[in-house]
Amino acid sequence: MGIEIERRFLVDGRYDKPWRSGNHSVMCQHYLSGVSHVDGKIMWNGIQLIEEEEVLENLTTWRIRLSGDAATLTAKGRRIGATATEYNWDVPMEIYNSLPLDGLPSVEKIRHYWNGEDGLLWEVDEYEGSISGLIIAEVELESEDQDVALPNWLGLELTHLKGWSNASLSRMIKDSELN
């Protein structure tokens, strides 16, 4: 079982954007409902996504991400503070390409990778589409009480605020498209 500990912040993108000086990747994330884990197989819509023998419990969010030419399935548990259970699996591209993903809640973003003065890696997501202009930065930690040098371009901390996860943003976008 993997554990993710991260802090998240809004970013004011009106000024200098030092995070753009490093590497970046373009991502599209779709959020899946009705995922099941039966007989060592993770299934969605009658399609086997991957094989997984480990017993998976208390997972609340399932996402499939395309970044470059790699697809990744992620399952997350409920977040408590800055910590959540997280599992990640590579998905073969032939399976990813066969999935009926149109119409699912999704987000598109450019993820920039920026190293802070304390050596921690920040992932700065600039969202595309109907939430273009939204920028959220996150940093993964070893423990919730780890010291972090916060860059001066960070705004409101979102870590403990519900409704700012990528899954929540994808549902908000989907709901706005229906109205």
N, C-alpha and C. Protein backbone atom coordinates (compact mmCIF):
# COMPACT_ATOMS: atom_id res chain seq x y z
N MET A 1 0.85 -1.18 0.00
CA MET A 1 0.00 0.00 0.00
C MET A 1 0.89 1.23 0.00
N GLY A 2 0.56 2.18 -0.87
CA GLY A 2 1.28 3.44 -0.92
C GLY A 2 0.56 4.51 -0.13
N ILE A 3 1.32 5.41 0.39
CA ILE A 3 0.77 6.55 1.12
C ILE A 3 1.25 7.81 0.42
N GLU A 4 0.34 8.74 0.21
CA GLU A 4 0.69 10.04 -0.36
C GLU A 4 0.47 11.10 0.72
N ILE A 5 1.49 11.89 0.96
CA ILE A 5 1.38 13.04 1.86
C ILE A 5 1.74 14.26 1.05
N GLU A 6 0.78 15.17 0.89
CA GLU A 6 1.06 16.35 0.07
C GLU A 6 0.36 17.58 0.62
N ARG A 7 0.98 18.71 0.36
CA ARG A 7 0.35 20.00 0.64
C ARG A 7 0.06 20.65 -0.71
N ARG A 8 -1.11 21.34 -0.80
CA ARG A 8 -1.56 21.94 -2.06
C ARG A 8 -1.89 23.41 -1.82
N PHE A 9 -1.62 24.23 -2.86
CA PHE A 9 -1.81 25.67 -2.76
C PHE A 9 -2.34 26.23 -4.08
N LEU A 10 -3.16 27.26 -3.98
CA LEU A 10 -3.47 28.06 -5.16
C LEU A 10 -2.23 28.85 -5.52
N VAL A 11 -2.11 29.20 -6.79
CA VAL A 11 -0.97 29.99 -7.27
C VAL A 11 -1.52 31.21 -7.99
N ASP A 12 -0.92 32.36 -7.71
CA ASP A 12 -1.27 33.58 -8.43
C ASP A 12 -0.38 33.64 -9.67
N GLY A 13 -0.97 33.39 -10.83
CA GLY A 13 -0.21 33.31 -12.07
C GLY A 13 -0.08 34.62 -12.81
N ARG A 14 -0.42 35.75 -12.15
CA ARG A 14 -0.35 37.04 -12.85
C ARG A 14 1.07 37.59 -12.95
N TYR A 15 1.98 37.04 -12.20
CA TYR A 15 3.33 37.60 -12.15
C TYR A 15 4.33 36.61 -12.73
N ASP A 16 5.58 36.68 -12.29
CA ASP A 16 6.59 35.76 -12.79
C ASP A 16 6.16 34.31 -12.57
N LYS A 17 6.57 33.46 -13.47
CA LYS A 17 6.21 32.04 -13.41
C LYS A 17 7.49 31.20 -13.44
N PRO A 18 8.25 31.20 -12.33
CA PRO A 18 9.54 30.49 -12.34
C PRO A 18 9.41 28.99 -12.58
N TRP A 19 8.26 28.41 -12.27
CA TRP A 19 8.06 26.97 -12.47
C TRP A 19 8.08 26.58 -13.95
N ARG A 20 7.90 27.54 -14.84
CA ARG A 20 7.89 27.23 -16.27
C ARG A 20 9.29 27.01 -16.83
N SER A 21 10.32 27.22 -16.04
CA SER A 21 11.69 27.08 -16.54
C SER A 21 12.17 25.64 -16.56
N GLY A 22 11.43 24.73 -15.94
CA GLY A 22 11.85 23.34 -15.87
C GLY A 22 11.10 22.44 -16.83
N ASN A 23 11.12 21.16 -16.54
CA ASN A 23 10.42 20.17 -17.35
C ASN A 23 8.92 20.28 -17.14
N HIS A 24 8.18 19.79 -18.12
CA HIS A 24 6.73 19.76 -17.98
C HIS A 24 6.16 18.58 -18.76
N SER A 25 4.91 18.24 -18.46
CA SER A 25 4.20 17.21 -19.21
C SER A 25 2.74 17.61 -19.34
N VAL A 26 2.12 17.16 -20.42
CA VAL A 26 0.70 17.43 -20.67
C VAL A 26 -0.06 16.20 -20.19
N MET A 27 -1.13 16.42 -19.42
CA MET A 27 -1.88 15.32 -18.83
C MET A 27 -3.37 15.48 -19.08
N CYS A 28 -4.02 14.36 -19.25
CA CYS A 28 -5.48 14.30 -19.27
C CYS A 28 -5.86 13.20 -18.28
N GLN A 29 -6.71 13.55 -17.33
CA GLN A 29 -7.12 12.61 -16.29
C GLN A 29 -8.63 12.41 -16.37
N HIS A 30 -9.05 11.16 -16.41
CA HIS A 30 -10.47 10.81 -16.41
C HIS A 30 -10.77 10.09 -15.10
N TYR A 31 -11.93 10.38 -14.53
CA TYR A 31 -12.33 9.78 -13.26
C TYR A 31 -13.40 8.74 -13.50
N LEU A 32 -13.13 7.53 -12.98
CA LEU A 32 -13.95 6.36 -13.24
C LEU A 32 -14.83 6.03 -12.05
N SER A 33 -16.07 5.66 -12.30
CA SER A 33 -16.92 5.14 -11.24
C SER A 33 -17.28 3.70 -11.61
N GLY A 34 -17.61 2.91 -10.61
CA GLY A 34 -17.98 1.52 -10.87
C GLY A 34 -16.81 0.60 -11.09
N VAL A 35 -15.63 0.97 -10.61
CA VAL A 35 -14.46 0.09 -10.71
C VAL A 35 -14.62 -1.02 -9.68
N SER A 36 -14.28 -2.24 -10.08
CA SER A 36 -14.37 -3.37 -9.15
C SER A 36 -13.05 -4.14 -9.15
N HIS A 37 -12.83 -4.84 -8.05
CA HIS A 37 -11.64 -5.67 -7.90
C HIS A 37 -12.12 -7.07 -7.57
N VAL A 38 -12.08 -7.95 -8.57
CA VAL A 38 -12.62 -9.30 -8.43
C VAL A 38 -11.60 -10.31 -8.95
N ASP A 39 -11.35 -11.33 -8.14
CA ASP A 39 -10.47 -12.43 -8.55
C ASP A 39 -9.13 -11.94 -9.09
N GLY A 40 -8.54 -10.95 -8.42
CA GLY A 40 -7.23 -10.47 -8.81
C GLY A 40 -7.21 -9.60 -10.04
N LYS A 41 -8.38 -9.12 -10.47
CA LYS A 41 -8.47 -8.26 -11.64
C LYS A 41 -9.19 -6.97 -11.28
N ILE A 42 -8.69 -5.84 -11.76
CA ILE A 42 -9.37 -4.57 -11.61
C ILE A 42 -10.12 -4.32 -12.90
N MET A 43 -11.45 -4.22 -12.76
CA MET A 43 -12.35 -4.14 -13.91
C MET A 43 -13.11 -2.82 -13.91
N TRP A 44 -13.39 -2.32 -15.11
CA TRP A 44 -14.24 -1.15 -15.29
C TRP A 44 -15.00 -1.31 -16.60
N ASN A 45 -16.31 -1.16 -16.54
CA ASN A 45 -17.16 -1.28 -17.75
C ASN A 45 -16.93 -2.61 -18.48
N GLY A 46 -16.69 -3.68 -17.71
CA GLY A 46 -16.48 -4.99 -18.31
C GLY A 46 -15.10 -5.19 -18.92
N ILE A 47 -14.22 -4.21 -18.73
CA ILE A 47 -12.86 -4.27 -19.30
C ILE A 47 -11.86 -4.48 -18.17
N GLN A 48 -10.97 -5.45 -18.35
CA GLN A 48 -9.91 -5.64 -17.36
C GLN A 48 -8.85 -4.59 -17.59
N LEU A 49 -8.64 -3.75 -16.58
CA LEU A 49 -7.62 -2.71 -16.68
C LEU A 49 -6.24 -3.26 -16.34
N ILE A 50 -6.17 -3.98 -15.22
CA ILE A 50 -4.89 -4.55 -14.79
C ILE A 50 -5.16 -5.76 -13.90
N GLU A 51 -4.12 -6.50 -13.59
CA GLU A 51 -4.21 -7.57 -12.60
C GLU A 51 -3.60 -7.07 -11.31
N GLU A 52 -4.24 -7.38 -10.19
CA GLU A 52 -3.75 -6.96 -8.87
C GLU A 52 -4.22 -7.97 -7.84
N GLU A 53 -3.29 -8.70 -7.26
CA GLU A 53 -3.63 -9.73 -6.28
C GLU A 53 -3.87 -9.15 -4.88
N GLU A 54 -3.22 -8.04 -4.57
CA GLU A 54 -3.36 -7.46 -3.23
C GLU A 54 -4.81 -7.06 -2.98
N VAL A 55 -5.27 -7.27 -1.76
CA VAL A 55 -6.63 -6.88 -1.39
C VAL A 55 -6.67 -5.36 -1.26
N LEU A 56 -7.61 -4.75 -1.97
CA LEU A 56 -7.75 -3.30 -1.97
C LEU A 56 -9.02 -2.94 -1.22
N GLU A 57 -8.89 -2.07 -0.23
CA GLU A 57 -10.05 -1.68 0.57
C GLU A 57 -10.09 -0.17 0.75
N ASN A 58 -11.31 0.33 0.95
CA ASN A 58 -11.54 1.74 1.30
C ASN A 58 -10.99 2.72 0.28
N LEU A 59 -11.08 2.37 -0.99
CA LEU A 59 -10.64 3.27 -2.05
C LEU A 59 -11.85 4.04 -2.54
N THR A 60 -11.72 5.35 -2.62
CA THR A 60 -12.86 6.20 -2.94
C THR A 60 -12.79 6.83 -4.32
N THR A 61 -11.59 6.95 -4.87
CA THR A 61 -11.42 7.65 -6.15
C THR A 61 -10.55 6.82 -7.08
N TRP A 62 -11.03 6.64 -8.32
CA TRP A 62 -10.29 5.94 -9.37
C TRP A 62 -10.07 6.89 -10.53
N ARG A 63 -8.83 6.96 -10.99
CA ARG A 63 -8.48 7.87 -12.08
C ARG A 63 -7.59 7.12 -13.06
N ILE A 64 -7.75 7.47 -14.34
CA ILE A 64 -6.80 6.99 -15.35
C ILE A 64 -6.22 8.22 -16.01
N ARG A 65 -4.89 8.27 -16.07
CA ARG A 65 -4.18 9.46 -16.57
C ARG A 65 -3.37 9.09 -17.81
N LEU A 66 -3.46 9.95 -18.81
CA LEU A 66 -2.59 9.85 -19.97
C LEU A 66 -1.60 11.00 -19.88
N SER A 67 -0.32 10.66 -19.89
CA SER A 67 0.75 11.66 -19.87
C SER A 67 1.78 11.21 -20.89
N GLY A 68 1.89 11.98 -21.97
CA GLY A 68 2.77 11.55 -23.06
C GLY A 68 2.22 10.27 -23.65
N ASP A 69 3.04 9.24 -23.71
CA ASP A 69 2.58 7.96 -24.25
C ASP A 69 2.46 6.91 -23.15
N ALA A 70 2.18 7.37 -21.92
CA ALA A 70 2.03 6.45 -20.79
C ALA A 70 0.68 6.66 -20.12
N ALA A 71 0.03 5.55 -19.80
CA ALA A 71 -1.25 5.60 -19.09
C ALA A 71 -1.06 4.98 -17.71
N THR A 72 -1.67 5.61 -16.71
CA THR A 72 -1.54 5.16 -15.33
C THR A 72 -2.91 5.13 -14.68
N LEU A 73 -3.22 4.02 -14.02
CA LEU A 73 -4.42 3.91 -13.21
C LEU A 73 -4.04 4.22 -11.77
N THR A 74 -4.83 5.06 -11.11
CA THR A 74 -4.56 5.42 -9.72
C THR A 74 -5.83 5.23 -8.92
N ALA A 75 -5.68 4.67 -7.73
CA ALA A 75 -6.77 4.55 -6.78
C ALA A 75 -6.35 5.25 -5.50
N LYS A 76 -7.26 6.07 -4.96
CA LYS A 76 -6.95 6.79 -3.73
C LYS A 76 -8.01 6.53 -2.68
N GLY A 77 -7.57 6.53 -1.45
CA GLY A 77 -8.47 6.42 -0.31
C GLY A 77 -8.83 7.81 0.19
N ARG A 78 -9.69 7.84 1.21
CA ARG A 78 -10.11 9.11 1.78
C ARG A 78 -8.91 9.85 2.37
N ARG A 79 -8.85 11.15 2.12
CA ARG A 79 -7.76 11.98 2.63
C ARG A 79 -8.06 12.37 4.07
N ILE A 80 -7.08 12.17 4.93
CA ILE A 80 -7.16 12.61 6.32
C ILE A 80 -5.98 13.55 6.52
N GLY A 81 -6.28 14.83 6.70
CA GLY A 81 -5.23 15.84 6.75
C GLY A 81 -4.58 15.94 5.39
N ALA A 82 -3.27 15.78 5.36
CA ALA A 82 -2.52 15.83 4.10
C ALA A 82 -2.19 14.43 3.58
N THR A 83 -2.75 13.38 4.21
CA THR A 83 -2.36 12.00 3.92
C THR A 83 -3.51 11.19 3.34
N ALA A 84 -3.20 10.40 2.31
CA ALA A 84 -4.18 9.48 1.72
C ALA A 84 -3.46 8.23 1.24
N THR A 85 -4.20 7.13 1.23
CA THR A 85 -3.72 5.90 0.61
C THR A 85 -3.72 6.11 -0.90
N GLU A 86 -2.69 5.60 -1.57
CA GLU A 86 -2.64 5.74 -3.03
C GLU A 86 -1.95 4.54 -3.64
N TYR A 87 -2.57 3.99 -4.69
CA TYR A 87 -2.00 2.91 -5.49
C TYR A 87 -1.88 3.40 -6.93
N ASN A 88 -0.82 3.01 -7.62
CA ASN A 88 -0.62 3.36 -9.03
C ASN A 88 -0.20 2.13 -9.82
N TRP A 89 -0.76 1.98 -11.02
CA TRP A 89 -0.41 0.88 -11.92
C TRP A 89 -0.26 1.41 -13.34
N ASP A 90 0.71 0.90 -14.06
CA ASP A 90 0.82 1.20 -15.49
C ASP A 90 -0.27 0.43 -16.22
N VAL A 91 -0.88 1.08 -17.20
CA VAL A 91 -1.92 0.46 -18.03
C VAL A 91 -1.38 0.39 -19.46
N PRO A 92 -1.42 -0.79 -20.06
CA PRO A 92 -0.96 -0.89 -21.46
C PRO A 92 -1.75 0.07 -22.36
N MET A 93 -1.06 0.69 -23.30
CA MET A 93 -1.70 1.67 -24.18
C MET A 93 -2.83 1.05 -25.00
N GLU A 94 -2.71 -0.22 -25.38
CA GLU A 94 -3.81 -0.82 -26.15
C GLU A 94 -5.09 -0.91 -25.32
N ILE A 95 -4.94 -1.11 -24.01
CA ILE A 95 -6.13 -1.10 -23.14
C ILE A 95 -6.64 0.32 -22.98
N TYR A 96 -5.74 1.27 -22.70
CA TYR A 96 -6.16 2.67 -22.55
C TYR A 96 -6.91 3.13 -23.80
N ASN A 97 -6.37 2.87 -24.97
CA ASN A 97 -6.97 3.32 -26.22
C ASN A 97 -8.33 2.69 -26.50
N SER A 98 -8.63 1.57 -25.85
CA SER A 98 -9.91 0.89 -26.07
C SER A 98 -11.01 1.38 -25.11
N LEU A 99 -10.65 2.22 -24.14
CA LEU A 99 -11.61 2.61 -23.11
C LEU A 99 -12.59 3.68 -23.61
N PRO A 100 -13.87 3.56 -23.27
CA PRO A 100 -14.87 4.57 -23.63
C PRO A 100 -14.84 5.73 -22.62
N LEU A 101 -13.91 6.65 -22.80
CA LEU A 101 -13.67 7.71 -21.82
C LEU A 101 -14.46 8.99 -22.11
N ASP A 102 -15.00 9.14 -23.32
CA ASP A 102 -15.75 10.36 -23.65
C ASP A 102 -16.92 10.54 -22.69
N GLY A 103 -17.09 11.76 -22.22
CA GLY A 103 -18.20 12.08 -21.35
C GLY A 103 -17.93 11.85 -19.88
N LEU A 104 -16.78 11.28 -19.53
CA LEU A 104 -16.45 11.09 -18.12
C LEU A 104 -15.95 12.40 -17.51
N PRO A 105 -16.10 12.57 -16.20
CA PRO A 105 -15.47 13.72 -15.55
C PRO A 105 -13.97 13.69 -15.82
N SER A 106 -13.40 14.82 -16.22
CA SER A 106 -11.98 14.84 -16.56
C SER A 106 -11.38 16.23 -16.36
N VAL A 107 -10.07 16.27 -16.26
CA VAL A 107 -9.33 17.53 -16.26
C VAL A 107 -8.16 17.38 -17.22
N GLU A 108 -7.80 18.50 -17.84
CA GLU A 108 -6.62 18.58 -18.68
C GLU A 108 -5.71 19.64 -18.10
N LYS A 109 -4.41 19.35 -18.09
CA LYS A 109 -3.48 20.30 -17.47
C LYS A 109 -2.08 20.10 -18.00
N ILE A 110 -1.29 21.14 -17.80
CA ILE A 110 0.15 21.06 -18.04
C ILE A 110 0.79 21.04 -16.67
N ARG A 111 1.57 20.01 -16.40
CA ARG A 111 2.25 19.89 -15.12
C ARG A 111 3.70 20.29 -15.29
N HIS A 112 4.10 21.29 -14.51
CA HIS A 112 5.48 21.76 -14.49
C HIS A 112 6.16 21.20 -13.24
N TYR A 113 7.44 20.87 -13.36
CA TYR A 113 8.23 20.33 -12.25
C TYR A 113 9.27 21.38 -11.87
N TRP A 114 9.23 21.81 -10.61
CA TRP A 114 10.07 22.91 -10.15
C TRP A 114 10.70 22.53 -8.81
N ASN A 115 12.00 22.72 -8.68
CA ASN A 115 12.68 22.40 -7.43
C ASN A 115 12.75 23.63 -6.54
N GLY A 116 12.25 23.46 -5.31
CA GLY A 116 12.29 24.55 -4.33
C GLY A 116 13.68 24.73 -3.76
N GLU A 117 13.86 25.81 -3.02
CA GLU A 117 15.18 26.10 -2.44
C GLU A 117 15.59 25.05 -1.41
N ASP A 118 14.65 24.29 -0.88
CA ASP A 118 14.96 23.22 0.08
C ASP A 118 15.16 21.87 -0.61
N GLY A 119 15.14 21.86 -1.95
CA GLY A 119 15.36 20.64 -2.71
C GLY A 119 14.10 19.82 -2.96
N LEU A 120 12.96 20.24 -2.41
CA LEU A 120 11.72 19.50 -2.64
C LEU A 120 11.18 19.80 -4.04
N LEU A 121 10.61 18.78 -4.65
CA LEU A 121 10.05 18.91 -5.99
C LEU A 121 8.61 19.37 -5.90
N TRP A 122 8.31 20.49 -6.55
CA TRP A 122 6.95 21.01 -6.64
C TRP A 122 6.38 20.62 -8.00
N GLU A 123 5.11 20.22 -7.98
CA GLU A 123 4.37 19.97 -9.22
C GLU A 123 3.34 21.09 -9.34
N VAL A 124 3.48 21.88 -10.39
CA VAL A 124 2.62 23.04 -10.59
C VAL A 124 1.73 22.75 -11.80
N ASP A 125 0.43 22.64 -11.53
CA ASP A 125 -0.54 22.29 -12.57
C ASP A 125 -1.25 23.54 -13.08
N GLU A 126 -1.10 23.79 -14.39
CA GLU A 126 -1.84 24.86 -15.06
C GLU A 126 -2.94 24.17 -15.86
N TYR A 127 -4.19 24.44 -15.46
CA TYR A 127 -5.33 23.74 -16.03
C TYR A 127 -5.73 24.34 -17.36
N GLU A 128 -6.31 23.49 -18.21
CA GLU A 128 -6.77 23.86 -19.55
C GLU A 128 -8.30 23.81 -19.59
N GLY A 129 -8.86 24.13 -20.73
CA GLY A 129 -10.30 24.00 -20.93
C GLY A 129 -11.10 25.02 -20.14
N SER A 130 -12.23 24.58 -19.61
CA SER A 130 -13.15 25.51 -18.94
C SER A 130 -12.62 26.06 -17.63
N ILE A 131 -11.55 25.48 -17.07
CA ILE A 131 -10.95 26.06 -15.87
C ILE A 131 -9.55 26.61 -16.16
N SER A 132 -9.33 26.96 -17.43
CA SER A 132 -8.07 27.56 -17.83
C SER A 132 -7.82 28.80 -16.97
N GLY A 133 -6.59 28.96 -16.55
CA GLY A 133 -6.23 30.07 -15.66
C GLY A 133 -6.05 29.62 -14.22
N LEU A 134 -6.65 28.50 -13.86
CA LEU A 134 -6.47 27.95 -12.51
C LEU A 134 -5.09 27.29 -12.44
N ILE A 135 -4.35 27.62 -11.40
CA ILE A 135 -3.02 27.05 -11.18
C ILE A 135 -2.96 26.56 -9.74
N ILE A 136 -2.59 25.29 -9.57
CA ILE A 136 -2.45 24.70 -8.24
C ILE A 136 -1.08 24.05 -8.16
N ALA A 137 -0.37 24.32 -7.05
CA ALA A 137 0.94 23.73 -6.81
C ALA A 137 0.84 22.75 -5.64
N GLU A 138 1.57 21.66 -5.75
CA GLU A 138 1.59 20.69 -4.66
C GLU A 138 3.01 20.18 -4.46
N VAL A 139 3.28 19.78 -3.24
CA VAL A 139 4.58 19.22 -2.90
C VAL A 139 4.34 17.97 -2.06
N GLU A 140 5.01 16.87 -2.43
CA GLU A 140 4.88 15.63 -1.68
C GLU A 140 5.93 15.61 -0.58
N LEU A 141 5.50 15.08 0.58
CA LEU A 141 6.34 15.11 1.77
C LEU A 141 6.54 13.71 2.33
N GLU A 142 7.52 13.58 3.21
CA GLU A 142 7.76 12.33 3.92
C GLU A 142 6.87 12.21 5.15
N SER A 143 6.50 13.36 5.75
CA SER A 143 5.62 13.37 6.92
C SER A 143 4.83 14.68 6.91
N GLU A 144 3.69 14.69 7.60
CA GLU A 144 2.85 15.89 7.61
C GLU A 144 3.52 17.07 8.29
N ASP A 145 4.45 16.81 9.21
CA ASP A 145 5.09 17.91 9.93
C ASP A 145 6.45 18.30 9.34
N GLN A 146 6.76 17.82 8.15
CA GLN A 146 8.01 18.14 7.47
C GLN A 146 8.07 19.64 7.16
N ASP A 147 9.22 20.25 7.41
CA ASP A 147 9.41 21.66 7.08
C ASP A 147 9.48 21.82 5.56
N VAL A 148 8.86 22.88 5.07
CA VAL A 148 8.83 23.17 3.64
C VAL A 148 9.12 24.65 3.45
N ALA A 149 10.04 24.97 2.54
CA ALA A 149 10.27 26.37 2.16
C ALA A 149 9.21 26.72 1.13
N LEU A 150 8.26 27.57 1.51
CA LEU A 150 7.15 27.92 0.62
C LEU A 150 7.57 29.03 -0.34
N PRO A 151 7.45 28.80 -1.64
CA PRO A 151 7.78 29.84 -2.62
C PRO A 151 6.86 31.05 -2.45
N ASN A 152 7.35 32.24 -2.79
CA ASN A 152 6.56 33.46 -2.59
C ASN A 152 5.39 33.60 -3.55
N TRP A 153 5.30 32.74 -4.56
CA TRP A 153 4.20 32.82 -5.51
C TRP A 153 3.01 31.95 -5.12
N LEU A 154 3.09 31.32 -3.96
CA LEU A 154 1.96 30.53 -3.48
C LEU A 154 0.90 31.43 -2.88
N GLY A 155 -0.35 31.00 -3.00
CA GLY A 155 -1.47 31.70 -2.39
C GLY A 155 -2.09 30.84 -1.31
N LEU A 156 -3.41 30.83 -1.26
CA LEU A 156 -4.18 30.11 -0.26
C LEU A 156 -3.82 28.63 -0.23
N GLU A 157 -3.60 28.09 0.97
CA GLU A 157 -3.35 26.65 1.09
C GLU A 157 -4.67 25.90 0.99
N LEU A 158 -4.69 24.88 0.13
CA LEU A 158 -5.89 24.09 -0.13
C LEU A 158 -5.86 22.72 0.54
N THR A 159 -4.77 22.38 1.18
CA THR A 159 -4.56 21.03 1.70
C THR A 159 -5.76 20.50 2.46
N HIS A 160 -6.34 21.30 3.33
CA HIS A 160 -7.40 20.82 4.21
C HIS A 160 -8.80 21.26 3.73
N LEU A 161 -8.87 21.82 2.53
CA LEU A 161 -10.16 22.30 2.02
C LEU A 161 -10.74 21.27 1.05
N LYS A 162 -11.95 20.86 1.30
CA LYS A 162 -12.62 19.91 0.40
C LYS A 162 -13.03 20.64 -0.87
N GLY A 163 -13.14 19.92 -1.94
CA GLY A 163 -13.62 20.49 -3.19
C GLY A 163 -12.53 20.98 -4.12
N TRP A 164 -11.26 20.87 -3.73
CA TRP A 164 -10.18 21.35 -4.58
C TRP A 164 -9.32 20.22 -5.15
N SER A 165 -9.73 18.98 -4.94
CA SER A 165 -8.99 17.86 -5.54
C SER A 165 -9.27 17.86 -7.05
N ASN A 166 -8.42 17.19 -7.80
CA ASN A 166 -8.65 17.06 -9.24
C ASN A 166 -9.97 16.33 -9.51
N ALA A 167 -10.30 15.34 -8.68
CA ALA A 167 -11.56 14.62 -8.86
C ALA A 167 -12.75 15.57 -8.67
N SER A 168 -12.69 16.42 -7.65
CA SER A 168 -13.78 17.39 -7.42
C SER A 168 -13.86 18.39 -8.55
N LEU A 169 -12.71 18.87 -9.02
CA LEU A 169 -12.71 19.82 -10.14
C LEU A 169 -13.30 19.17 -11.39
N SER A 170 -12.99 17.89 -11.63
CA SER A 170 -13.52 17.22 -12.82
C SER A 170 -15.04 17.10 -12.74
N ARG A 171 -15.58 16.83 -11.56
CA ARG A 171 -17.04 16.74 -11.40
C ARG A 171 -17.69 18.12 -11.58
N MET A 172 -17.03 19.17 -11.09
CA MET A 172 -17.54 20.53 -11.27
C MET A 172 -17.61 20.87 -12.76
N ILE A 173 -16.57 20.54 -13.50
CA ILE A 173 -16.55 20.79 -14.94
C ILE A 173 -17.68 20.02 -15.62
N LYS A 174 -17.82 18.75 -15.29
CA LYS A 174 -18.86 17.90 -15.88
C LYS A 174 -20.24 18.46 -15.58
N ASP A 175 -20.47 18.89 -14.32
CA ASP A 175 -21.77 19.47 -13.95
C ASP A 175 -22.06 20.75 -14.72
N SER A 176 -21.02 21.58 -14.93
CA SER A 176 -21.23 22.85 -15.65
C SER A 176 -21.55 22.60 -17.13
N GLU A 177 -21.03 21.50 -17.67
CA GLU A 177 -21.31 21.16 -19.08
C GLU A 177 -22.75 20.69 -19.26
N LEU A 178 -23.34 20.15 -18.20
CA LEU A 178 -24.72 19.66 -18.27
C LEU A 178 -25.73 20.78 -18.17
N ASN A 179 -25.33 21.92 -17.62
CA ASN A 179 -26.26 23.05 -17.44
C ASN A 179 -26.21 24.03 -18.57
